[in-house]
């Protein structure tokens, strides 16, 4: 029997860094979070990935980071989810 691995990820709708993160020397922007989420996908290798709170800016960053890791995912969107 074939197995299908499905992963759901809440990527947190926060495109730009926030002052309270900057004060702590941290970056919570989409550009900063996307590489870590892509790495999690490369380590777990799900067949299907669902995202929540994925805005247009994050959808620009995530495919690029996934491709850098050599993963072959297609991204389909129906808008903000």
PDB file of N, CA and C in Angstrom:
ATOM      1  N   UNK A   1       0.834  -1.172   0.000  1.00  0.00           N
ATOM      2  CA  UNK A   1       0.000   0.000   0.000  1.00  0.00           C
ATOM      3  C   UNK A   1       0.885   1.243   0.000  1.00  0.00           C
ATOM      4  N   UNK A   2       0.581   2.197  -0.870  1.00  0.00           N
ATOM      5  CA  UNK A   2       1.336   3.443  -0.932  1.00  0.00           C
ATOM      6  C   UNK A   2       0.928   4.362   0.216  1.00  0.00           C
ATOM      7  N   UNK A   3       1.886   5.127   0.680  1.00  0.00           N
ATOM      8  CA  UNK A   3       1.617   6.084   1.751  1.00  0.00           C
ATOM      9  C   UNK A   3       1.705   7.497   1.195  1.00  0.00           C
ATOM     10  N   UNK A   4       0.851   8.348   1.692  1.00  0.00           N
ATOM     11  CA  UNK A   4       0.822   9.745   1.301  1.00  0.00           C
ATOM     12  C   UNK A   4       1.122  10.581   2.531  1.00  0.00           C
ATOM     13  N   UNK A   5       2.155  11.417   2.451  1.00  0.00           N
ATOM     14  CA  UNK A   5       2.542  12.264   3.590  1.00  0.00           C
ATOM     15  C   UNK A   5       1.992  13.666   3.365  1.00  0.00           C
ATOM     16  N   UNK A   6       1.148  14.111   4.283  1.00  0.00           N
ATOM     17  CA  UNK A   6       0.530  15.424   4.197  1.00  0.00           C
ATOM     18  C   UNK A   6       1.001  16.253   5.381  1.00  0.00           C
ATOM     19  N   UNK A   7       1.394  17.489   5.104  1.00  0.00           N
ATOM     20  CA  UNK A   7       1.879  18.381   6.155  1.00  0.00           C
ATOM     21  C   UNK A   7       1.109  19.690   6.090  1.00  0.00           C
ATOM     22  N   UNK A   8       0.737  20.194   7.230  1.00  0.00           N
ATOM     23  CA  UNK A   8       0.082  21.491   7.324  1.00  0.00           C
ATOM     24  C   UNK A   8       0.996  22.430   8.105  1.00  0.00           C
ATOM     25  N   UNK A   9       1.149  23.651   7.605  1.00  0.00           N
ATOM     26  CA  UNK A   9       2.071  24.599   8.215  1.00  0.00           C
ATOM     27  C   UNK A   9       1.393  25.951   8.384  1.00  0.00           C
ATOM     28  N   UNK A  10       1.393  26.471   9.595  1.00  0.00           N
ATOM     29  CA  UNK A  10       0.949  27.844   9.815  1.00  0.00           C
ATOM     30  C   UNK A  10       2.193  28.710   9.689  1.00  0.00           C
ATOM     31  N   UNK A  11       2.266  29.503   8.630  1.00  0.00           N
ATOM     32  CA  UNK A  11       3.478  30.288   8.356  1.00  0.00           C
ATOM     33  C   UNK A  11       3.430  31.684   8.953  1.00  0.00           C
ATOM     34  N   UNK A  12       2.346  32.030   9.616  1.00  0.00           N
ATOM     35  CA  UNK A  12       2.208  33.286  10.362  1.00  0.00           C
ATOM     36  C   UNK A  12       2.233  34.496   9.448  1.00  0.00           C
ATOM     37  N   UNK A  13       1.085  35.072   9.230  1.00  0.00           N
ATOM     38  CA  UNK A  13       0.953  36.242   8.352  1.00  0.00           C
ATOM     39  C   UNK A  13       1.653  37.451   8.979  1.00  0.00           C
ATOM     40  N   UNK A  14       2.885  37.611   8.631  1.00  0.00           N
ATOM     41  CA  UNK A  14       3.697  38.737   9.117  1.00  0.00           C
ATOM     42  C   UNK A  14       4.796  38.955   8.080  1.00  0.00           C
ATOM     43  N   UNK A  15       4.505  39.775   7.075  1.00  0.00           N
ATOM     44  CA  UNK A  15       5.432  39.949   5.963  1.00  0.00           C
ATOM     45  C   UNK A  15       6.677  40.744   6.334  1.00  0.00           C
ATOM     46  N   UNK A  16       6.502  41.778   7.118  1.00  0.00           N
ATOM     47  CA  UNK A  16       7.615  42.668   7.462  1.00  0.00           C
ATOM     48  C   UNK A  16       8.035  42.474   8.912  1.00  0.00           C
ATOM     49  N   UNK A  17       9.283  42.771   9.197  1.00  0.00           N
ATOM     50  CA  UNK A  17       9.768  42.688  10.574  1.00  0.00           C
ATOM     51  C   UNK A  17       9.027  43.703  11.439  1.00  0.00           C
ATOM     52  N   UNK A  18       8.915  43.419  12.710  1.00  0.00           N
ATOM     53  CA  UNK A  18       8.188  44.278  13.643  1.00  0.00           C
ATOM     54  C   UNK A  18       9.153  44.939  14.623  1.00  0.00           C
ATOM     55  N   UNK A  19       8.834  46.151  15.072  1.00  0.00           N
ATOM     56  CA  UNK A  19       9.740  46.881  15.967  1.00  0.00           C
ATOM     57  C   UNK A  19      10.153  46.095  17.213  1.00  0.00           C
ATOM     58  N   UNK A  20       9.223  45.387  17.824  1.00  0.00           N
ATOM     59  CA  UNK A  20       9.572  44.652  19.046  1.00  0.00           C
ATOM     60  C   UNK A  20      10.503  43.479  18.766  1.00  0.00           C
ATOM     61  N   UNK A  21      10.522  42.956  17.550  1.00  0.00           N
ATOM     62  CA  UNK A  21      11.498  41.934  17.174  1.00  0.00           C
ATOM     63  C   UNK A  21      12.849  42.595  16.877  1.00  0.00           C
ATOM     64  N   UNK A  22      12.808  43.715  16.189  1.00  0.00           N
ATOM     65  CA  UNK A  22      14.039  44.443  15.869  1.00  0.00           C
ATOM     66  C   UNK A  22      14.766  44.836  17.149  1.00  0.00           C
ATOM     67  N   UNK A  23      14.015  45.292  18.166  1.00  0.00           N
ATOM     68  CA  UNK A  23      14.608  45.664  19.455  1.00  0.00           C
ATOM     69  C   UNK A  23      15.378  44.501  20.081  1.00  0.00           C
ATOM     70  N   UNK A  24      14.967  43.298  19.784  1.00  0.00           N
ATOM     71  CA  UNK A  24      15.609  42.094  20.337  1.00  0.00           C
ATOM     72  C   UNK A  24      16.676  41.520  19.397  1.00  0.00           C
ATOM     73  N   UNK A  25      16.906  42.226  18.295  1.00  0.00           N
ATOM     74  CA  UNK A  25      17.899  41.765  17.327  1.00  0.00           C
ATOM     75  C   UNK A  25      17.424  40.603  16.487  1.00  0.00           C
ATOM     76  N   UNK A  26      16.114  40.463  16.336  1.00  0.00           N
ATOM     77  CA  UNK A  26      15.532  39.340  15.601  1.00  0.00           C
ATOM     78  C   UNK A  26      14.798  39.837  14.360  1.00  0.00           C
ATOM     79  N   UNK A  27      14.529  38.936  13.448  1.00  0.00           N
ATOM     80  CA  UNK A  27      13.816  39.264  12.224  1.00  0.00           C
ATOM     81  C   UNK A  27      12.691  38.252  12.039  1.00  0.00           C
ATOM     82  N   UNK A  28      11.460  38.733  12.046  1.00  0.00           N
ATOM     83  CA  UNK A  28      10.302  37.850  11.878  1.00  0.00           C
ATOM     84  C   UNK A  28       9.675  37.983  10.495  1.00  0.00           C
ATOM     85  N   UNK A  29      10.356  38.641   9.573  1.00  0.00           N
ATOM     86  CA  UNK A  29       9.795  38.883   8.238  1.00  0.00           C
ATOM     87  C   UNK A  29       9.644  37.578   7.445  1.00  0.00           C
ATOM     88  N   UNK A  30       8.842  37.642   6.416  1.00  0.00           N
ATOM     89  CA  UNK A  30       8.667  36.477   5.535  1.00  0.00           C
ATOM     90  C   UNK A  30       9.994  36.014   4.956  1.00  0.00           C
ATOM     91  N   UNK A  31      10.819  36.960   4.540  1.00  0.00           N
ATOM     92  CA  UNK A  31      12.120  36.612   3.944  1.00  0.00           C
ATOM     93  C   UNK A  31      13.001  35.857   4.941  1.00  0.00           C
ATOM     94  N   UNK A  32      12.901  36.200   6.219  1.00  0.00           N
ATOM     95  CA  UNK A  32      13.721  35.537   7.240  1.00  0.00           C
ATOM     96  C   UNK A  32      13.153  34.172   7.621  1.00  0.00           C
ATOM     97  N   UNK A  33      11.831  34.014   7.590  1.00  0.00           N
ATOM     98  CA  UNK A  33      11.211  32.750   8.009  1.00  0.00           C
ATOM     99  C   UNK A  33      11.183  31.695   6.907  1.00  0.00           C
ATOM    100  N   UNK A  34      11.089  32.114   5.663  1.00  0.00           N
ATOM    101  CA  UNK A  34      10.929  31.163   4.553  1.00  0.00           C
ATOM    102  C   UNK A  34      12.048  30.113   4.467  1.00  0.00           C
ATOM    103  N   UNK A  35      13.326  30.469   4.646  1.00  0.00           N
ATOM    104  CA  UNK A  35      14.364  29.429   4.564  1.00  0.00           C
ATOM    105  C   UNK A  35      14.204  28.327   5.618  1.00  0.00           C
ATOM    106  N   UNK A  36      13.793  28.694   6.814  1.00  0.00           N
ATOM    107  CA  UNK A  36      13.604  27.688   7.863  1.00  0.00           C
ATOM    108  C   UNK A  36      12.442  26.766   7.580  1.00  0.00           C
ATOM    109  N   UNK A  37      11.378  27.321   7.050  1.00  0.00           N
ATOM    110  CA  UNK A  37      10.219  26.492   6.711  1.00  0.00           C
ATOM    111  C   UNK A  37      10.552  25.574   5.543  1.00  0.00           C
ATOM    112  N   UNK A  38      11.276  26.084   4.554  1.00  0.00           N
ATOM    113  CA  UNK A  38      11.712  25.243   3.436  1.00  0.00           C
ATOM    114  C   UNK A  38      12.612  24.113   3.933  1.00  0.00           C
ATOM    115  N   UNK A  39      13.472  24.413   4.897  1.00  0.00           N
ATOM    116  CA  UNK A  39      14.348  23.377   5.465  1.00  0.00           C
ATOM    117  C   UNK A  39      13.516  22.285   6.152  1.00  0.00           C
ATOM    118  N   UNK A  40      12.473  22.694   6.857  1.00  0.00           N
ATOM    119  CA  UNK A  40      11.594  21.711   7.504  1.00  0.00           C
ATOM    120  C   UNK A  40      10.952  20.802   6.457  1.00  0.00           C
ATOM    121  N   UNK A  41      10.557  21.377   5.322  1.00  0.00           N
ATOM    122  CA  UNK A  41       9.992  20.562   4.245  1.00  0.00           C
ATOM    123  C   UNK A  41      11.042  19.588   3.702  1.00  0.00           C
ATOM    124  N   UNK A  42      12.280  20.047   3.582  1.00  0.00           N
ATOM    125  CA  UNK A  42      13.328  19.165   3.042  1.00  0.00           C
ATOM    126  C   UNK A  42      13.642  18.027   4.013  1.00  0.00           C
ATOM    127  N   UNK A  43      13.456  18.261   5.289  1.00  0.00           N
ATOM    128  CA  UNK A  43      13.736  17.220   6.283  1.00  0.00           C
ATOM    129  C   UNK A  43      12.593  16.230   6.428  1.00  0.00           C
ATOM    130  N   UNK A  44      11.361  16.674   6.187  1.00  0.00           N
ATOM    131  CA  UNK A  44      10.204  15.787   6.354  1.00  0.00           C
ATOM    132  C   UNK A  44       9.682  15.223   5.037  1.00  0.00           C
ATOM    133  N   UNK A  45       9.981  15.904   3.925  1.00  0.00           N
ATOM    134  CA  UNK A  45       9.605  15.477   2.574  1.00  0.00           C
ATOM    135  C   UNK A  45       8.130  15.085   2.433  1.00  0.00           C
ATOM    136  N   UNK A  46       7.215  15.993   2.793  1.00  0.00           N
ATOM    137  CA  UNK A  46       5.799  15.673   2.597  1.00  0.00           C
ATOM    138  C   UNK A  46       5.444  15.642   1.117  1.00  0.00           C
ATOM    139  N   UNK A  47       4.425  14.862   0.784  1.00  0.00           N
ATOM    140  CA  UNK A  47       3.940  14.807  -0.596  1.00  0.00           C
ATOM    141  C   UNK A  47       3.045  16.004  -0.910  1.00  0.00           C
ATOM    142  N   UNK A  48       2.277  16.414   0.075  1.00  0.00           N
ATOM    143  CA  UNK A  48       1.363  17.545  -0.070  1.00  0.00           C
ATOM    144  C   UNK A  48       1.558  18.455   1.137  1.00  0.00           C
ATOM    145  N   UNK A  49       1.620  19.766   0.880  1.00  0.00           N
ATOM    146  CA  UNK A  49       1.780  20.748   1.951  1.00  0.00           C
ATOM    147  C   UNK A  49       0.624  21.728   1.882  1.00  0.00           C
ATOM    148  N   UNK A  50      -0.020  21.940   3.010  1.00  0.00           N
ATOM    149  CA  UNK A  50      -1.041  22.974   3.124  1.00  0.00           C
ATOM    150  C   UNK A  50      -0.491  24.082   4.009  1.00  0.00           C
ATOM    151  N   UNK A  51      -0.808  25.308   3.684  1.00  0.00           N
ATOM    152  CA  UNK A  51      -0.342  26.422   4.512  1.00  0.00           C
ATOM    153  C   UNK A  51      -1.528  27.236   5.016  1.00  0.00           C
ATOM    154  N   UNK A  52      -1.370  27.783   6.200  1.00  0.00           N
ATOM    155  CA  UNK A  52      -2.331  28.734   6.734  1.00  0.00           C
ATOM    156  C   UNK A  52      -1.608  30.060   6.928  1.00  0.00           C
ATOM    157  N   UNK A  53      -2.371  31.147   6.864  1.00  0.00           N
ATOM    158  CA  UNK A  53      -1.847  32.504   7.040  1.00  0.00           C
ATOM    159  C   UNK A  53      -0.712  32.803   6.045  1.00  0.00           C
ATOM    160  N   UNK A  54      -0.872  32.322   4.840  1.00  0.00           N
ATOM    161  CA  UNK A  54       0.156  32.492   3.811  1.00  0.00           C
ATOM    162  C   UNK A  54      -0.257  33.638   2.888  1.00  0.00           C
ATOM    163  N   UNK A  55       0.360  34.791   3.076  1.00  0.00           N
ATOM    164  CA  UNK A  55       0.011  35.953   2.264  1.00  0.00           C
ATOM    165  C   UNK A  55       0.841  35.999   0.982  1.00  0.00           C
ATOM    166  N   UNK A  56       0.565  36.978   0.149  1.00  0.00           N
ATOM    167  CA  UNK A  56       1.208  37.085  -1.155  1.00  0.00           C
ATOM    168  C   UNK A  56       2.725  37.250  -1.030  1.00  0.00           C
ATOM    169  N   UNK A  57       3.193  37.949  -0.034  1.00  0.00           N
ATOM    170  CA  UNK A  57       4.635  38.157   0.125  1.00  0.00           C
ATOM    171  C   UNK A  57       5.333  36.854   0.500  1.00  0.00           C
ATOM    172  N   UNK A  58       4.734  36.102   1.407  1.00  0.00           N
ATOM    173  CA  UNK A  58       5.337  34.818   1.768  1.00  0.00           C
ATOM    174  C   UNK A  58       5.328  33.874   0.574  1.00  0.00           C
ATOM    175  N   UNK A  59       4.276  33.940  -0.234  1.00  0.00           N
ATOM    176  CA  UNK A  59       4.198  33.081  -1.432  1.00  0.00           C
ATOM    177  C   UNK A  59       5.254  33.450  -2.454  1.00  0.00           C
ATOM    178  N   UNK A  60       5.836  34.622  -2.370  1.00  0.00           N
ATOM    179  CA  UNK A  60       6.957  34.982  -3.244  1.00  0.00           C
ATOM    180  C   UNK A  60       8.261  34.371  -2.742  1.00  0.00           C
ATOM    181  N   UNK A  61       8.427  34.303  -1.444  1.00  0.00           N
ATOM    182  CA  UNK A  61       9.681  33.819  -0.853  1.00  0.00           C
ATOM    183  C   UNK A  61       9.778  32.291  -0.793  1.00  0.00           C
ATOM    184  N   UNK A  62       8.703  31.629  -0.397  1.00  0.00           N
ATOM    185  CA  UNK A  62       8.772  30.187  -0.150  1.00  0.00           C
ATOM    186  C   UNK A  62       9.185  29.361  -1.372  1.00  0.00           C
ATOM    187  N   UNK A  63       8.596  29.570  -2.565  1.00  0.00           N
ATOM    188  CA  UNK A  63       9.026  28.764  -3.718  1.00  0.00           C
ATOM    189  C   UNK A  63      10.515  28.915  -4.038  1.00  0.00           C
ATOM    190  N   UNK A  64      11.052  30.115  -3.862  1.00  0.00           N
ATOM    191  CA  UNK A  64      12.476  30.336  -4.128  1.00  0.00           C
ATOM    192  C   UNK A  64      13.344  29.542  -3.154  1.00  0.00           C
ATOM    193  N   UNK A  65      12.952  29.547  -1.884  1.00  0.00           N
ATOM    194  CA  UNK A  65      13.736  28.824  -0.873  1.00  0.00           C
ATOM    195  C   UNK A  65      13.634  27.318  -1.058  1.00  0.00           C
ATOM    196  N   UNK A  66      12.467  26.853  -1.422  1.00  0.00           N
ATOM    197  CA  UNK A  66      12.265  25.423  -1.680  1.00  0.00           C
ATOM    198  C   UNK A  66      13.117  24.985  -2.871  1.00  0.00           C
ATOM    199  N   UNK A  67      13.151  25.793  -3.923  1.00  0.00           N
ATOM    200  CA  UNK A  67      13.948  25.470  -5.116  1.00  0.00           C
ATOM    201  C   UNK A  67      15.434  25.432  -4.801  1.00  0.00           C
ATOM    202  N   UNK A  68      15.910  26.333  -3.923  1.00  0.00           N
ATOM    203  CA  UNK A  68      17.327  26.339  -3.537  1.00  0.00           C
ATOM    204  C   UNK A  68      17.742  25.012  -2.911  1.00  0.00           C
ATOM    205  N   UNK A  69      16.795  24.331  -2.282  1.00  0.00           N
ATOM    206  CA  UNK A  69      17.086  23.044  -1.632  1.00  0.00           C
ATOM    207  C   UNK A  69      16.881  21.863  -2.580  1.00  0.00           C
ATOM    208  N   UNK A  70      16.542  22.155  -3.826  1.00  0.00           N
ATOM    209  CA  UNK A  70      16.376  21.100  -4.819  1.00  0.00           C
ATOM    210  C   UNK A  70      15.055  20.363  -4.721  1.00  0.00           C
ATOM    211  N   UNK A  71      14.095  20.940  -4.015  1.00  0.00           N
ATOM    212  CA  UNK A  71      12.785  20.302  -3.902  1.00  0.00           C
ATOM    213  C   UNK A  71      11.913  20.704  -5.077  1.00  0.00           C
ATOM    214  N   UNK A  72      11.057  19.795  -5.507  1.00  0.00           N
ATOM    215  CA  UNK A  72      10.213  20.042  -6.669  1.00  0.00           C
ATOM    216  C   UNK A  72       8.748  20.054  -6.244  1.00  0.00           C
ATOM    217  N   UNK A  73       8.307  21.177  -5.715  1.00  0.00           N
ATOM    218  CA  UNK A  73       6.910  21.341  -5.320  1.00  0.00           C
ATOM    219  C   UNK A  73       6.249  22.335  -6.261  1.00  0.00           C
ATOM    220  N   UNK A  74       4.990  22.099  -6.563  1.00  0.00           N
ATOM    221  CA  UNK A  74       4.179  23.061  -7.296  1.00  0.00           C
ATOM    222  C   UNK A  74       3.348  23.818  -6.290  1.00  0.00           C
ATOM    223  N   UNK A  75       3.205  25.112  -6.500  1.00  0.00           N
ATOM    224  CA  UNK A  75       2.463  25.952  -5.584  1.00  0.00           C
ATOM    225  C   UNK A  75       1.154  26.381  -6.246  1.00  0.00           C
ATOM    226  N   UNK A  76       0.057  26.062  -5.597  1.00  0.00           N
ATOM    227  CA  UNK A  76      -1.267  26.427  -6.074  1.00  0.00           C
ATOM    228  C   UNK A  76      -1.916  27.252  -4.970  1.00  0.00           C
ATOM    229  N   UNK A  77      -2.490  28.375  -5.344  1.00  0.00           N
ATOM    230  CA  UNK A  77      -3.099  29.228  -4.337  1.00  0.00           C
ATOM    231  C   UNK A  77      -4.500  29.665  -4.743  1.00  0.00           C
ATOM    232  N   UNK A  78      -5.285  29.913  -3.736  1.00  0.00           N
ATOM    233  CA  UNK A  78      -6.630  30.455  -3.946  1.00  0.00           C
ATOM    234  C   UNK A  78      -6.740  31.780  -3.209  1.00  0.00           C
ATOM    235  N   UNK A  79      -5.593  32.433  -2.994  1.00  0.00           N
ATOM    236  CA  UNK A  79      -5.580  33.683  -2.246  1.00  0.00           C
ATOM    237  C   UNK A  79      -5.112  33.450  -0.821  1.00  0.00           C
ATOM    238  N   UNK A  80      -5.355  34.425   0.030  1.00  0.00           N
ATOM    239  CA  UNK A  80      -4.932  34.306   1.431  1.00  0.00           C
ATOM    240  C   UNK A  80      -5.682  33.150   2.085  1.00  0.00           C
ATOM    241  N   UNK A  81      -4.919  32.275   2.716  1.00  0.00           N
ATOM    242  CA  UNK A  81      -5.546  31.112   3.353  1.00  0.00           C
ATOM    243  C   UNK A  81      -5.212  31.079   4.819  1.00  0.00           C
TER     244      UNK A  81
END
